[in-house]
Protein backbone atom coordinates (compact mmCIF):
# COMPACT_ATOMS: atom_id res chain seq x y z
CA MET A 1 0.94 -36.85 -14.96
CA THR A 2 0.91 -35.06 -18.48
CA ALA A 3 3.58 -36.86 -20.34
CA ALA A 4 6.60 -34.47 -21.25
CA PRO A 5 7.84 -34.53 -24.91
CA ALA A 6 10.41 -36.48 -25.95
CA GLY A 7 13.71 -35.24 -25.33
CA ALA A 8 12.50 -32.38 -22.78
CA THR A 9 13.85 -31.60 -19.65
CA ARG A 10 11.81 -32.29 -16.80
CA ALA A 11 11.00 -29.39 -14.94
CA ALA A 12 12.39 -29.02 -11.38
CA PRO A 13 10.03 -29.53 -8.56
CA PHE A 14 7.88 -26.76 -7.85
CA PHE A 15 7.72 -26.69 -4.35
CA ARG A 16 11.14 -26.34 -3.40
CA SER A 17 11.09 -23.47 -0.42
CA ARG A 18 11.78 -24.67 2.76
CA TRP A 19 8.92 -22.23 3.75
CA VAL A 20 6.42 -23.63 1.77
CA ASP A 21 4.71 -27.38 2.51
CA ARG A 22 3.67 -29.24 -0.49
CA PRO A 23 0.08 -30.76 0.15
CA ALA A 24 0.18 -34.20 0.91
CA HIS A 25 -3.19 -34.54 -1.52
CA ALA A 26 -1.55 -32.15 -4.25
CA ARG A 27 0.58 -33.83 -6.85
CA GLU A 28 2.36 -31.94 -9.71
CA LEU A 29 1.58 -32.01 -13.45
CA GLU A 30 3.58 -30.39 -16.22
CA PRO A 31 3.89 -26.89 -15.08
CA THR A 32 2.18 -25.59 -18.41
CA ALA A 33 -0.78 -28.06 -18.25
CA LEU A 34 -4.41 -26.34 -17.86
CA PRO A 35 -7.35 -27.64 -15.78
CA ALA A 36 -10.37 -28.90 -17.93
CA GLY A 37 -12.89 -26.45 -19.33
CA PHE A 38 -9.34 -23.82 -19.87
CA ARG A 39 -7.36 -22.76 -23.26
CA SER A 40 -5.08 -20.26 -23.71
CA ALA A 41 -2.79 -18.35 -26.19
CA GLY A 42 -0.10 -16.03 -26.41
CA VAL A 43 1.17 -14.17 -29.63
CA ALA A 44 3.82 -11.27 -30.65
CA ALA A 45 1.90 -8.04 -31.42
CA GLY A 46 4.92 -5.82 -31.35
CA ILE A 47 4.00 -3.96 -27.92
CA LYS A 48 7.40 -5.15 -26.81
CA PRO A 49 10.47 -5.27 -29.35
CA SER A 50 10.61 -8.90 -29.02
CA GLY A 51 8.99 -11.96 -27.65
CA LEU A 52 5.10 -12.62 -26.84
CA ASP A 53 3.44 -9.63 -25.37
CA VAL A 54 -0.74 -10.28 -25.69
CA GLY A 55 -2.07 -13.43 -23.98
CA LEU A 56 -5.63 -14.67 -23.55
CA LEU A 57 -6.97 -17.11 -21.16
CA VAL A 58 -10.43 -18.53 -21.72
CA SER A 59 -12.82 -20.72 -19.51
CA ASP A 60 -15.47 -22.08 -21.85
CA ALA A 61 -18.01 -23.38 -19.20
CA ALA A 62 -20.80 -21.08 -18.92
CA GLY A 63 -21.47 -21.33 -15.56
CA THR A 64 -17.99 -20.35 -14.68
CA THR A 65 -17.16 -18.47 -11.13
CA SER A 66 -14.74 -15.98 -10.46
CA ALA A 67 -13.17 -13.84 -7.75
CA ALA A 68 -10.31 -10.93 -8.16
CA ARG A 69 -8.22 -8.86 -6.27
CA PHE A 70 -6.43 -5.48 -7.20
CA THR A 71 -3.87 -2.93 -6.55
CA SER A 72 -5.09 -0.67 -3.48
CA SER A 73 -2.50 2.14 -4.87
CA ALA A 74 -4.02 5.42 -5.13
CA VAL A 75 -2.83 5.66 -8.80
CA ILE A 76 -4.29 2.86 -11.02
CA GLY A 77 -3.94 1.55 -14.61
CA ALA A 78 -6.82 1.62 -17.16
CA PRO A 79 -6.71 -2.42 -17.10
CA VAL A 80 -7.71 -2.17 -13.27
CA ALA A 81 -10.21 0.28 -13.68
CA ALA A 82 -12.05 -1.75 -16.47
CA SER A 83 -11.75 -4.91 -14.96
CA ARG A 84 -13.23 -3.15 -11.73
CA ALA A 85 -16.16 -2.66 -13.75
CA ALA A 86 -16.63 -5.62 -14.81
CA ALA A 87 -18.40 -8.85 -13.70
CA LEU A 88 -15.94 -10.60 -11.19
CA ASP A 89 -17.99 -12.91 -9.45
CA ARG A 90 -18.47 -14.82 -13.63
CA LEU A 91 -15.79 -13.50 -15.91
CA ARG A 92 -14.94 -15.85 -18.91
CA ALA A 93 -11.89 -14.48 -19.86
CA VAL A 94 -8.98 -12.27 -19.37
CA VAL A 95 -6.78 -10.49 -21.70
CA ALA A 96 -3.57 -9.90 -20.66
CA SER A 97 -0.53 -7.72 -22.18
CA SER A 98 3.13 -6.78 -21.19
CA GLY A 99 5.47 -3.91 -22.13
CA ASN A 100 3.05 -1.37 -21.51
CA ALA A 101 1.46 -0.72 -18.57
CA ASN A 102 -1.74 1.73 -19.51
CA VAL A 103 -0.90 4.05 -16.66
CA ALA A 104 -1.65 7.60 -16.63
CA ASP A 105 -2.82 7.97 -20.67
CA GLY A 106 -6.21 9.46 -19.44
CA ASP A 107 -9.64 8.67 -21.44
CA ARG A 108 -7.62 7.08 -24.33
CA GLY A 109 -6.26 4.63 -22.05
CA LEU A 110 -9.24 3.65 -20.73
CA GLU A 111 -10.95 3.55 -24.23
CA THR A 112 -8.14 0.91 -25.14
CA ALA A 113 -8.69 -1.47 -22.56
CA ARG A 114 -12.46 -1.33 -22.65
CA ALA A 115 -11.53 -1.97 -26.51
CA ALA A 116 -9.80 -5.11 -25.70
CA GLN A 117 -12.77 -6.36 -23.68
CA THR A 118 -15.11 -5.84 -26.49
CA ALA A 119 -12.91 -7.33 -29.04
CA ALA A 120 -12.58 -10.70 -26.52
CA ALA A 121 -16.10 -10.64 -26.08
CA GLU A 122 -17.08 -10.38 -30.14
CA ALA A 123 -14.29 -13.13 -30.58
CA LEU A 124 -15.51 -15.51 -27.81
CA GLY A 125 -19.27 -14.79 -28.19
CA VAL A 126 -19.46 -13.67 -24.39
CA GLU A 127 -20.72 -10.56 -22.61
CA VAL A 128 -18.43 -7.44 -22.47
CA ALA A 129 -18.85 -7.71 -18.62
CA GLU A 130 -17.09 -11.09 -18.45
CA ILE A 131 -13.80 -10.04 -19.64
CA GLY A 132 -10.90 -8.86 -17.65
CA VAL A 133 -8.01 -7.10 -18.23
CA ALA A 134 -4.29 -6.68 -16.84
CA ALA A 135 -1.00 -4.96 -18.32
CA THR A 136 2.33 -4.52 -17.20
CA GLY A 137 5.21 -2.29 -18.40
CA VAL A 138 6.35 0.96 -18.72
CA ILE A 139 4.21 3.65 -16.89
CA GLY A 140 2.92 6.94 -18.59
CA ARG A 141 3.18 5.79 -22.36
CA GLU A 142 -0.05 5.31 -25.28
CA LEU A 143 -0.38 1.31 -25.26
CA PRO A 144 -0.58 0.83 -29.11
CA ARG A 145 -4.06 -0.15 -29.24
CA GLU A 146 -4.10 -1.61 -32.87
CA ARG A 147 -1.41 -3.52 -31.84
CA LEU A 148 -3.24 -4.64 -28.67
CA LEU A 149 -6.35 -5.69 -30.74
CA GLY A 150 -4.46 -7.09 -33.42
CA GLY A 151 -2.58 -9.69 -31.10
CA LEU A 152 -5.93 -10.42 -29.36
CA GLU A 153 -7.57 -11.51 -32.71
CA ARG A 154 -4.67 -14.00 -33.26
CA ALA A 155 -4.27 -15.11 -29.87
CA ALA A 156 -8.36 -15.98 -30.01
CA ALA A 157 -7.46 -18.02 -33.18
CA GLU A 158 -4.75 -20.26 -31.69
CA LEU A 159 -6.26 -21.03 -28.22
CA ALA A 160 -5.02 -23.80 -26.76
CA GLY A 161 -4.98 -26.84 -23.68
CA ASP A 162 -1.78 -25.26 -21.90
CA ALA A 163 -0.70 -22.47 -20.77
CA ALA A 164 2.98 -22.29 -22.18
CA SER A 165 2.81 -18.98 -24.61
CA PHE A 166 -0.09 -17.34 -22.67
CA SER A 167 2.42 -17.29 -19.23
CA GLU A 168 5.21 -16.12 -21.36
CA ALA A 169 2.97 -13.21 -22.77
CA LEU A 170 2.92 -11.62 -19.51
CA LEU A 171 6.64 -11.32 -18.85
CA THR A 172 8.62 -8.28 -18.58
CA THR A 173 11.58 -8.46 -16.46
CA ASP A 174 11.26 -11.88 -15.26
CA ARG A 175 13.83 -14.16 -16.01
CA ALA A 176 11.22 -17.12 -16.55
CA PRO A 177 7.40 -17.65 -16.59
CA LYS A 178 6.32 -18.49 -13.16
CA ARG A 179 3.67 -21.48 -13.65
CA THR A 180 2.46 -24.70 -12.35
CA CYS A 181 -0.60 -27.07 -12.38
CA LEU A 182 -1.65 -29.26 -9.75
CA GLU A 183 -4.05 -32.09 -9.31
CA VAL A 184 -5.89 -31.77 -5.69
CA GLU A 185 -7.50 -34.92 -4.11
CA LEU A 186 -10.48 -33.82 -2.74
CA PRO A 187 -13.08 -35.56 -0.57
CA SER A 188 -15.49 -35.53 -3.55
CA GLY A 189 -13.19 -36.20 -6.03
CA ALA A 190 -9.75 -35.18 -7.92
CA VAL A 191 -9.34 -31.52 -9.31
CA ARG A 192 -6.95 -29.46 -11.38
CA LEU A 193 -5.50 -26.24 -9.91
CA ALA A 194 -3.07 -24.00 -12.00
CA ALA A 195 -1.69 -20.44 -12.13
CA GLN A 196 0.52 -18.24 -14.08
CA ALA A 197 2.50 -15.37 -12.70
CA LYS A 198 4.93 -12.43 -13.51
CA GLY A 199 6.48 -10.15 -11.30
CA ALA A 200 10.09 -9.13 -10.84
CA GLY A 201 10.12 -5.31 -9.80
CA MET A 202 7.90 -2.78 -8.49
CA ILE A 203 6.73 -5.40 -5.81
CA SER A 204 5.43 -4.52 -2.43
CA PRO A 205 1.87 -5.36 -2.74
CA ALA A 206 -1.40 -4.33 -0.68
CA PHE A 207 -4.03 -7.13 -0.86
CA ALA A 208 -3.03 -8.58 -4.71
CA THR A 209 0.68 -8.51 -6.53
CA VAL A 210 1.83 -8.57 -9.98
CA LEU A 211 -0.41 -10.03 -12.51
CA CYS A 212 -1.36 -13.76 -10.99
CA PHE A 213 -3.82 -15.81 -12.99
CA LEU A 214 -5.63 -18.66 -11.13
CA GLU A 215 -7.63 -21.64 -12.53
CA THR A 216 -9.31 -24.90 -10.98
CA ASP A 217 -11.88 -26.97 -12.75
CA ALA A 218 -13.56 -27.56 -9.44
CA SER A 219 -17.06 -26.13 -9.19
CA VAL A 220 -17.08 -23.40 -6.74
CA ALA A 221 -19.83 -20.75 -6.08
CA ALA A 222 -18.48 -17.20 -6.22
CA PRO A 223 -18.61 -16.35 -2.54
CA THR A 224 -16.35 -19.38 -1.87
CA LEU A 225 -14.09 -18.70 -4.63
CA ASP A 226 -14.10 -15.09 -3.44
CA LEU A 227 -13.27 -15.88 0.51
CA LEU A 228 -10.43 -18.76 -0.65
CA THR A 229 -8.94 -15.81 -2.82
CA GLY A 230 -8.61 -13.11 -0.34
CA VAL A 231 -7.26 -15.29 2.21
CA THR A 232 -4.39 -17.13 0.38
CA VAL A 233 -3.60 -14.04 -1.39
CA LYS A 234 -3.19 -12.17 2.19
CA ARG A 235 -0.86 -15.21 3.14
CA SER A 236 1.11 -15.33 0.23
CA LEU A 237 1.33 -12.88 -2.83
CA ASP A 238 0.75 -9.63 -0.10
CA ARG A 239 3.63 -10.89 1.83
CA ILE A 240 6.41 -10.15 -0.56
CA SER A 241 8.83 -7.20 -1.31
CA VAL A 242 10.93 -6.94 -3.70
CA ASP A 243 11.77 -2.96 -3.97
CA GLY A 244 8.98 -1.70 -1.37
CA GLN A 245 7.02 -0.15 -4.05
CA LEU A 246 3.32 -0.66 -4.95
CA SER A 247 2.23 -1.18 -8.69
CA THR A 248 -0.31 0.60 -10.61
CA SER A 249 -1.28 -2.55 -11.94
CA ASP A 250 -1.54 -5.44 -9.75
CA THR A 251 -4.13 -8.12 -10.34
CA VAL A 252 -5.10 -11.50 -9.39
CA ILE A 253 -7.83 -13.07 -11.06
CA CYS A 254 -9.11 -16.95 -9.82
CA LEU A 255 -11.43 -18.35 -12.64
CA ALA A 256 -13.32 -21.76 -11.59
CA SER A 257 -15.06 -23.54 -14.83
CA GLY A 258 -16.60 -26.59 -12.67
CA ALA A 259 -15.74 -28.76 -15.72
CA SER A 260 -14.50 -31.62 -13.38
CA GLY A 261 -17.92 -32.21 -11.99
CA VAL A 262 -16.36 -32.05 -8.28
CA ARG A 263 -18.41 -29.21 -6.23
CA VAL A 264 -17.06 -27.50 -3.59
CA GLU A 265 -19.29 -26.53 -0.98
CA ALA A 266 -18.88 -23.84 1.70
CA GLU A 267 -17.45 -24.68 4.83
CA SER A 268 -16.83 -28.40 4.15
CA ASP A 269 -13.59 -30.96 3.87
CA ASP A 270 -13.64 -29.93 -0.07
CA GLU A 271 -13.21 -26.16 0.74
CA LEU A 272 -10.43 -26.88 3.07
CA ALA A 273 -8.69 -29.25 1.24
CA LEU A 274 -8.68 -26.89 -2.10
CA GLY A 275 -7.60 -23.65 0.12
CA GLU A 276 -4.88 -25.82 1.56
CA ALA A 277 -3.77 -26.47 -2.25
CA MET A 278 -4.49 -22.57 -3.00
CA ASP A 279 -2.22 -21.38 0.07
CA ALA A 280 0.56 -23.02 -0.71
CA LEU A 281 0.47 -22.82 -4.76
CA LEU A 282 0.56 -19.14 -3.93
CA ARG A 283 3.01 -19.10 -1.25
CA GLN A 284 5.39 -21.09 -3.36
CA LEU A 285 4.53 -18.48 -6.32
CA ALA A 286 5.24 -15.47 -4.28
CA LEU A 287 8.76 -17.09 -3.61
CA GLU A 288 9.03 -17.07 -7.10
CA VAL A 289 8.47 -13.77 -7.77
CA VAL A 290 11.00 -12.72 -5.33
CA GLY A 291 13.64 -15.32 -6.00
CA ASP A 292 12.92 -13.14 -9.20
CA GLY A 293 13.59 -10.02 -8.48
CA GLU A 294 15.59 -7.70 -10.59
CA GLY A 295 18.88 -8.75 -10.03
CA ALA A 296 18.16 -10.86 -6.55
CA GLY A 297 20.19 -13.75 -5.67
CA ARG A 298 19.28 -14.45 -2.05
CA VAL A 299 15.57 -14.43 -0.48
CA GLY A 300 15.31 -13.56 3.11
CA ARG A 301 12.15 -14.08 5.52
CA VAL A 302 11.48 -11.66 8.43
CA ILE A 303 9.33 -12.85 11.16
CA VAL A 304 8.15 -10.69 13.57
CA ARG A 305 6.45 -11.56 16.84
CA GLY A 306 5.36 -8.90 19.73
CA ALA A 307 2.06 -6.35 19.82
CA ALA A 308 -0.36 -6.87 17.63
CA GLU A 309 -0.27 -3.10 16.12
CA ALA A 310 3.45 -3.25 16.09
CA VAL A 311 4.65 -6.39 14.12
CA GLU A 312 3.16 -5.30 10.46
CA PRO A 313 5.44 -1.78 10.25
CA ALA A 314 8.09 -3.48 11.96
CA ALA A 315 8.20 -6.30 9.13
CA ARG A 316 7.90 -3.78 6.57
CA ALA A 317 10.75 -1.54 7.54
CA ILE A 318 12.86 -4.59 7.76
CA ALA A 319 12.25 -6.32 4.18
CA ASP A 320 12.16 -2.83 2.29
CA SER A 321 15.55 -1.53 4.19
CA PRO A 322 18.11 -1.03 1.33
CA LEU A 323 20.69 -1.58 3.93
CA VAL A 324 19.27 -4.96 5.19
CA LYS A 325 19.07 -5.83 1.45
CA THR A 326 22.33 -5.31 0.45
CA ALA A 327 23.80 -6.99 3.99
CA LEU A 328 21.51 -10.33 2.61
CA HIS A 329 23.08 -10.01 -0.96
CA GLY A 330 26.44 -9.81 0.48
CA ALA A 331 26.11 -12.57 2.79
CA ASP A 332 26.99 -10.09 5.69
CA PRO A 333 25.38 -10.96 9.34
CA ASN A 334 25.33 -7.49 9.92
CA PHE A 335 22.37 -7.70 12.51
CA GLY A 336 22.74 -3.74 13.38
CA ARG A 337 20.90 -3.08 10.05
CA VAL A 338 18.01 -4.84 11.35
CA LEU A 339 17.93 -3.15 14.53
CA GLN A 340 18.19 0.46 12.82
CA ALA A 341 15.26 -0.81 10.30
CA VAL A 342 13.11 -1.73 13.42
CA GLY A 343 14.07 1.61 15.24
CA ALA A 344 13.15 3.66 12.40
CA ALA A 345 9.76 2.38 11.99
CA PHE A 346 8.75 3.38 15.50
CA ALA A 347 10.99 6.89 15.53
CA GLY A 348 9.10 9.00 18.52
CA THR A 349 6.82 6.17 20.21
CA PRO A 350 8.36 2.79 19.89
CA PRO A 351 5.69 -0.32 21.27
CA GLY A 352 5.99 -0.65 25.04
CA HIS A 353 6.92 2.93 25.81
CA ALA A 354 5.00 5.68 27.29
CA GLU A 355 3.18 7.74 24.88
CA SER A 356 3.53 11.37 26.59
CA GLY A 357 7.20 11.40 25.66
CA PRO A 358 10.49 9.73 24.80
CA ASP A 359 11.66 6.69 26.98
CA PRO A 360 15.33 7.02 27.82
CA SER A 361 15.30 3.21 27.80
CA SER A 362 16.48 1.44 24.17
CA LEU A 363 13.90 -0.28 22.47
CA PRO A 364 13.88 -4.26 24.21
CA ILE A 365 14.20 -6.31 21.17
CA ASP A 366 15.05 -9.81 20.33
CA LEU A 367 16.68 -10.93 17.12
CA GLU A 368 17.72 -14.32 15.84
CA ILE A 369 19.16 -15.27 12.45
CA GLU A 370 19.04 -18.96 11.21
CA GLY A 371 17.98 -19.55 14.55
CA ARG A 372 20.68 -18.33 15.94
CA ARG A 373 20.16 -15.62 19.06
CA VAL A 374 22.43 -12.44 18.18
CA VAL A 375 20.51 -9.81 20.41
CA THR A 376 18.56 -10.02 23.69
CA GLY A 377 16.40 -7.31 25.23
CA GLY A 378 18.41 -5.17 23.08
CA VAL A 379 21.53 -6.14 23.65
CA SER A 380 23.96 -8.02 21.02
CA ALA A 381 25.36 -10.93 22.06
CA ALA A 382 29.32 -11.28 22.26
CA LEU A 383 29.98 -13.69 19.69
CA ASP A 384 33.56 -15.17 19.59
CA GLY A 385 35.27 -16.08 16.20
CA ALA A 386 34.11 -19.43 15.37
CA GLU A 387 30.39 -18.21 16.27
CA LEU A 388 30.77 -15.35 13.81
CA ARG A 389 32.15 -17.41 11.39
CA ALA A 390 28.98 -20.23 11.66
CA LEU A 391 26.65 -16.97 11.40
CA GLU A 392 28.63 -15.87 8.21
CA GLN A 393 28.13 -19.52 6.91
CA ALA A 394 24.25 -19.29 7.87
CA VAL A 395 23.55 -16.64 6.24
CA SER A 396 25.45 -17.36 2.80
CA GLY A 397 22.65 -19.85 1.72
CA ALA A 398 20.06 -18.85 -0.96
CA GLU A 399 17.24 -18.56 1.85
CA VAL A 400 17.75 -16.72 5.08
CA GLU A 401 15.51 -16.38 8.05
CA TYR A 402 15.12 -13.66 10.52
CA LEU A 403 13.32 -13.46 13.74
CA VAL A 404 12.27 -10.53 15.41
CA THR A 405 10.43 -10.31 19.05
CA LEU A 406 9.31 -6.81 20.15
CA PRO A 407 7.62 -6.01 23.52
CA GLY A 408 3.87 -7.18 23.83
CA ASP A 409 2.28 -10.31 22.24
CA GLY A 410 -1.26 -10.94 20.34
CA GLY A 411 0.40 -10.44 17.11
CA GLU A 412 2.39 -12.22 14.44
CA THR A 413 3.30 -12.11 10.66
CA GLU A 414 6.08 -12.40 8.22
CA VAL A 415 7.03 -10.84 5.10
CA PHE A 416 9.55 -12.24 2.05
CA PHE A 417 11.81 -10.13 0.50
CA SER A 418 14.62 -10.32 -2.12
CA ASP A 419 17.91 -8.79 -1.83
CA LEU A 420 19.75 -5.90 -3.33
CA SER A 421 22.01 -6.34 -6.23
CA HIS A 422 23.75 -4.22 -8.46
CA ASP A 423 22.03 -5.38 -11.26
CA TYR A 424 18.93 -3.96 -9.49
CA VAL A 425 20.32 -0.46 -10.08
CA THR A 426 21.68 -1.05 -13.57
CA LEU A 427 18.35 -2.66 -14.86
CA ASN A 428 15.71 -0.13 -13.42
CA ALA A 429 18.28 2.85 -14.69
CA GLU A 430 17.93 1.78 -18.25
CA TYR A 431 14.45 0.15 -18.23
CA THR A 432 12.50 2.40 -20.56
CA THR A 433 15.51 2.65 -23.33
């Protein structure tokens, strides 16, 4: 393990949620460490009033492969548009900035994103098509181009073999950087896997999330890396909600330098082991985003089982419900709010009811909270005083789990979500000022 500086406080374990199993073949390194072949830097360019706000992540290996996922929103930022047009299977570097999302600025915004690609390519001696860009922050304001390019020039001169300043340059309303580095023992040898992310608000992604960058020094063909990225993002970063809002700028980019010399072949034990490590890393990272939700204090997990077409809308309705989220915040076991959210998700034609008209019977829902059955077949349990107090105690922890069973079978899903506090309203009411 990389040694910590003298007098430094060792970081808390990365894998600390009961909902994520640390892979036995993965060992935590210093969270700011990078895999072989990577360098990064972050600088203060004046885009934000204070703090680091321009970051550069680079793979020095000419044979680097990559994969990417972006927001599915119909309104996208210029950096997303510019990155989508790049060579997404062979990116060599990413320019990331915070404080201004570069959204809704028309041709001027797109020209700024492309100027960053060109400047980075010239500074690094690579093709423009090998540069990805990402930005986060306020929507609808011009991103100061000269500040961005000046910061990029300084970041290129300060590249180093760790991700400390780069991960800090991603932050907006985040309380702290979200980052980790693992040493992963594959059957063919040891590789490193690292990630840096930001996200606290405007979180309810669809096939991507926030800003998240992954690096490995394994040698992975682009189609295999794309498959691993897609599968693990769908099981992690796509399963979270802070406020039910889909961002204009969600970007996930994964880079594989191959600098370890360990080759991961498709459909091999190496691919399986690397995929397991990526899955666990991204699931924990996703929980870090939820736990850092603006003003958040607790994290909920809702699991829904039932008809395949019903589980996703039910889970999203619960996770995005302000009533459920405020109950979670107050450690209030008011399960009526969960029932209401499910009912609203299927207004008109509930699963298992006739499509020809309304069914007079109520939807037969089963609901458990922290393993305690509180509703069976749509009928609430008669909890005595002791049982109610035990339930109140159960929902007062940092993590609270809800299990909903709907009519039908063949489907199961989960969503992780944050509570909703007074601080969320205060922060977002004052965000642009």
